[in-house]
N, C-alpha and C. Protein backbone atom coordinates (compact mmCIF):
# COMPACT_ATOMS: atom_id res chain seq x y z
N UNK A 1 6.21 4.57 -7.93
CA UNK A 1 5.34 4.50 -6.79
C UNK A 1 5.91 3.59 -5.71
N UNK A 2 6.60 2.54 -6.13
CA UNK A 2 7.18 1.62 -5.15
C UNK A 2 8.12 2.32 -4.18
N UNK A 3 8.92 3.25 -4.69
CA UNK A 3 9.87 3.94 -3.82
C UNK A 3 9.16 4.81 -2.78
N UNK A 4 8.01 5.32 -3.11
CA UNK A 4 7.25 6.17 -2.18
C UNK A 4 6.49 5.35 -1.14
N UNK A 5 6.14 4.11 -1.46
CA UNK A 5 5.30 3.31 -0.57
C UNK A 5 6.08 2.25 0.20
N UNK A 6 7.35 2.10 -0.12
CA UNK A 6 8.16 1.07 0.55
C UNK A 6 8.18 1.32 2.06
N UNK A 7 7.97 0.28 2.82
CA UNK A 7 8.00 0.39 4.27
C UNK A 7 6.64 0.64 4.90
N UNK A 8 5.63 0.85 4.09
CA UNK A 8 4.28 1.07 4.61
C UNK A 8 3.44 -0.18 4.38
N UNK A 9 2.59 -0.51 5.34
CA UNK A 9 1.70 -1.65 5.19
C UNK A 9 0.53 -1.30 4.28
N UNK A 10 0.05 -0.07 4.39
CA UNK A 10 -1.12 0.33 3.62
C UNK A 10 -0.92 1.73 3.05
N UNK A 11 -1.31 1.90 1.79
CA UNK A 11 -1.23 3.19 1.13
C UNK A 11 -2.57 3.45 0.47
N UNK A 12 -3.07 4.67 0.62
CA UNK A 12 -4.34 5.04 -0.02
C UNK A 12 -4.08 6.18 -0.99
N UNK A 13 -4.59 6.02 -2.18
CA UNK A 13 -4.51 7.06 -3.19
C UNK A 13 -5.93 7.52 -3.47
N UNK A 14 -6.14 8.81 -3.33
CA UNK A 14 -7.48 9.36 -3.50
C UNK A 14 -7.45 10.39 -4.62
N UNK A 15 -8.34 10.24 -5.59
CA UNK A 15 -8.47 11.19 -6.68
C UNK A 15 -9.71 12.03 -6.43
N UNK A 16 -9.57 13.35 -6.53
CA UNK A 16 -10.73 14.21 -6.35
C UNK A 16 -11.54 14.25 -7.65
N UNK A 17 -12.77 14.68 -7.53
CA UNK A 17 -13.67 14.70 -8.68
C UNK A 17 -14.31 16.08 -8.78
N UNK A 18 -13.87 16.83 -9.77
CA UNK A 18 -14.44 18.16 -9.99
C UNK A 18 -14.97 18.23 -11.41
N UNK A 19 -15.92 17.38 -11.71
CA UNK A 19 -16.45 17.33 -13.07
C UNK A 19 -17.52 18.40 -13.33
N UNK A 20 -18.07 18.97 -12.29
CA UNK A 20 -19.08 20.00 -12.48
C UNK A 20 -18.42 21.28 -12.98
N UNK A 21 -19.02 21.88 -14.00
CA UNK A 21 -18.46 23.12 -14.55
C UNK A 21 -18.59 24.28 -13.58
N UNK A 22 -19.48 24.17 -12.60
CA UNK A 22 -19.69 25.26 -11.65
C UNK A 22 -18.90 25.08 -10.37
N UNK A 23 -18.07 24.05 -10.28
CA UNK A 23 -17.31 23.83 -9.05
C UNK A 23 -16.25 24.92 -8.88
N UNK A 24 -15.87 25.18 -7.66
CA UNK A 24 -14.83 26.16 -7.37
C UNK A 24 -13.52 25.77 -8.04
N UNK A 25 -13.22 24.49 -8.03
CA UNK A 25 -11.98 24.01 -8.65
C UNK A 25 -11.97 24.32 -10.15
N UNK A 26 -13.08 24.07 -10.83
CA UNK A 26 -13.16 24.34 -12.26
C UNK A 26 -13.09 25.85 -12.53
N UNK A 27 -13.73 26.65 -11.69
CA UNK A 27 -13.66 28.10 -11.85
C UNK A 27 -12.22 28.59 -11.67
N UNK A 28 -11.51 28.02 -10.71
CA UNK A 28 -10.11 28.38 -10.48
C UNK A 28 -9.26 28.00 -11.68
N UNK A 29 -9.49 26.81 -12.24
CA UNK A 29 -8.75 26.39 -13.43
C UNK A 29 -8.97 27.36 -14.59
N UNK A 30 -10.21 27.75 -14.79
CA UNK A 30 -10.53 28.67 -15.88
C UNK A 30 -9.83 30.01 -15.68
N UNK A 31 -9.85 30.50 -14.45
CA UNK A 31 -9.21 31.78 -14.15
C UNK A 31 -7.69 31.70 -14.34
N UNK A 32 -7.10 30.59 -13.93
CA UNK A 32 -5.65 30.42 -14.04
C UNK A 32 -5.18 30.28 -15.48
N UNK A 33 -6.06 29.82 -16.35
CA UNK A 33 -5.70 29.73 -17.76
C UNK A 33 -5.43 31.10 -18.33
N UNK A 34 -6.09 32.10 -17.75
CA UNK A 34 -5.86 33.47 -18.20
C UNK A 34 -6.27 33.68 -19.64
N UNK A 35 -5.37 34.26 -20.42
CA UNK A 35 -5.68 34.61 -21.79
C UNK A 35 -5.40 33.49 -22.77
N UNK A 36 -5.01 32.35 -22.28
CA UNK A 36 -4.75 31.22 -23.16
C UNK A 36 -6.08 30.73 -23.71
N UNK A 37 -6.28 30.89 -24.99
CA UNK A 37 -7.55 30.53 -25.61
C UNK A 37 -7.56 29.07 -26.05
N UNK A 38 -6.45 28.63 -26.63
CA UNK A 38 -6.37 27.27 -27.14
C UNK A 38 -5.44 26.48 -26.23
N UNK A 39 -5.96 25.41 -25.69
CA UNK A 39 -5.13 24.55 -24.87
C UNK A 39 -4.98 23.21 -25.55
N UNK A 40 -3.78 22.75 -25.59
CA UNK A 40 -3.49 21.47 -26.20
C UNK A 40 -3.85 20.36 -25.21
N UNK A 41 -4.51 19.34 -25.70
CA UNK A 41 -4.85 18.19 -24.86
C UNK A 41 -3.90 17.05 -25.17
N UNK A 42 -3.58 16.30 -24.15
CA UNK A 42 -2.70 15.15 -24.29
C UNK A 42 -3.43 13.89 -23.87
N UNK A 43 -3.09 12.79 -24.49
CA UNK A 43 -3.50 11.47 -24.00
C UNK A 43 -2.28 10.93 -23.28
N UNK A 44 -2.38 10.80 -21.99
CA UNK A 44 -1.23 10.45 -21.16
C UNK A 44 -0.93 8.96 -21.28
N UNK A 45 0.34 8.69 -21.53
CA UNK A 45 0.84 7.32 -21.59
C UNK A 45 2.30 7.34 -21.13
N UNK A 46 2.93 6.18 -21.06
CA UNK A 46 4.30 6.11 -20.57
C UNK A 46 5.26 7.04 -21.30
N UNK A 47 5.05 7.22 -22.58
CA UNK A 47 5.98 8.02 -23.40
C UNK A 47 5.65 9.51 -23.45
N UNK A 48 4.61 9.94 -22.74
CA UNK A 48 4.22 11.35 -22.79
C UNK A 48 5.30 12.23 -22.17
N UNK A 49 5.74 13.22 -22.93
CA UNK A 49 6.76 14.15 -22.47
C UNK A 49 6.10 15.42 -21.95
N UNK A 50 6.47 15.83 -20.74
CA UNK A 50 5.92 17.04 -20.14
C UNK A 50 7.01 18.09 -20.11
N UNK A 51 6.87 19.10 -20.95
CA UNK A 51 7.87 20.16 -21.02
C UNK A 51 7.49 21.36 -20.17
N UNK A 52 6.22 21.68 -20.14
CA UNK A 52 5.72 22.81 -19.35
C UNK A 52 4.54 22.32 -18.52
N UNK A 53 4.76 22.15 -17.24
CA UNK A 53 3.74 21.57 -16.36
C UNK A 53 2.44 22.38 -16.36
N UNK A 54 2.56 23.70 -16.34
CA UNK A 54 1.37 24.55 -16.29
C UNK A 54 0.52 24.38 -17.55
N UNK A 55 1.17 24.38 -18.71
CA UNK A 55 0.44 24.19 -19.96
C UNK A 55 -0.12 22.78 -20.06
N UNK A 56 0.64 21.82 -19.58
CA UNK A 56 0.20 20.43 -19.62
C UNK A 56 -1.08 20.25 -18.81
N UNK A 57 -1.14 20.87 -17.65
CA UNK A 57 -2.30 20.70 -16.76
C UNK A 57 -3.43 21.70 -17.04
N UNK A 58 -3.28 22.54 -18.06
CA UNK A 58 -4.29 23.56 -18.37
C UNK A 58 -5.55 22.95 -18.98
N UNK A 59 -5.45 21.79 -19.56
CA UNK A 59 -6.59 21.16 -20.22
C UNK A 59 -7.30 20.18 -19.29
N UNK A 60 -8.60 20.33 -19.17
CA UNK A 60 -9.38 19.41 -18.35
C UNK A 60 -9.33 17.99 -18.90
N UNK A 61 -9.32 17.86 -20.21
CA UNK A 61 -9.27 16.51 -20.79
C UNK A 61 -7.91 15.85 -20.53
N UNK A 62 -6.84 16.64 -20.48
CA UNK A 62 -5.53 16.09 -20.12
C UNK A 62 -5.54 15.65 -18.67
N UNK A 63 -6.15 16.44 -17.80
CA UNK A 63 -6.26 16.05 -16.39
C UNK A 63 -7.04 14.75 -16.24
N UNK A 64 -8.10 14.60 -17.01
CA UNK A 64 -8.88 13.36 -16.98
C UNK A 64 -8.03 12.19 -17.45
N UNK A 65 -7.27 12.41 -18.51
CA UNK A 65 -6.42 11.36 -19.05
C UNK A 65 -5.32 10.99 -18.06
N UNK A 66 -4.76 11.99 -17.38
CA UNK A 66 -3.72 11.75 -16.38
C UNK A 66 -4.27 10.94 -15.21
N UNK A 67 -5.46 11.28 -14.74
CA UNK A 67 -6.09 10.55 -13.64
C UNK A 67 -6.34 9.10 -14.02
N UNK A 68 -6.84 8.88 -15.23
CA UNK A 68 -7.07 7.53 -15.71
C UNK A 68 -5.76 6.75 -15.82
N UNK A 69 -4.74 7.38 -16.38
CA UNK A 69 -3.42 6.74 -16.52
C UNK A 69 -2.87 6.34 -15.15
N UNK A 70 -2.93 7.25 -14.18
CA UNK A 70 -2.40 6.96 -12.85
C UNK A 70 -3.17 5.84 -12.16
N UNK A 71 -4.49 5.86 -12.28
CA UNK A 71 -5.28 4.82 -11.63
C UNK A 71 -5.01 3.45 -12.24
N UNK A 72 -4.88 3.39 -13.56
CA UNK A 72 -4.58 2.11 -14.22
C UNK A 72 -3.18 1.64 -13.85
N UNK A 73 -2.22 2.57 -13.85
CA UNK A 73 -0.84 2.22 -13.50
C UNK A 73 -0.74 1.72 -12.07
N UNK A 74 -1.41 2.40 -11.16
CA UNK A 74 -1.38 1.98 -9.76
C UNK A 74 -2.05 0.62 -9.57
N UNK A 75 -3.17 0.41 -10.24
CA UNK A 75 -3.88 -0.86 -10.13
C UNK A 75 -3.03 -2.01 -10.66
N UNK A 76 -2.25 -1.75 -11.69
CA UNK A 76 -1.45 -2.80 -12.31
C UNK A 76 -0.17 -3.11 -11.52
N UNK A 77 0.36 -2.14 -10.80
CA UNK A 77 1.66 -2.35 -10.15
C UNK A 77 1.60 -2.56 -8.65
N UNK A 78 0.54 -2.12 -8.01
CA UNK A 78 0.45 -2.23 -6.56
C UNK A 78 -0.53 -3.33 -6.20
N UNK A 79 -0.09 -4.30 -5.40
CA UNK A 79 -1.01 -5.38 -5.01
C UNK A 79 -2.14 -4.85 -4.14
N UNK A 80 -3.33 -5.31 -4.41
CA UNK A 80 -4.50 -4.89 -3.63
C UNK A 80 -4.63 -5.74 -2.38
N UNK A 81 -4.94 -5.10 -1.28
CA UNK A 81 -5.15 -5.81 -0.02
C UNK A 81 -6.56 -5.54 0.50
N UNK A 82 -7.50 -5.56 -0.40
CA UNK A 82 -8.89 -5.26 -0.03
C UNK A 82 -9.51 -6.48 0.59
């Protein structure tokens, strides 16, 4: 993240929230999964290996874990100027 934010005084990271099962985003995710019935969920951490991005992001719980991982990582490494 440091390499992307270097030279900027302020950086904002915004995470969207599509937790409703009836949201357009969730409907799109379901449609894009197609015929995949079983999706593997991951708990994202520093050592998590991503071999197939589409399969990795197919699980809502993996997306939740990824969002949590990124927010914690950003909070720990980027100084807050609030």
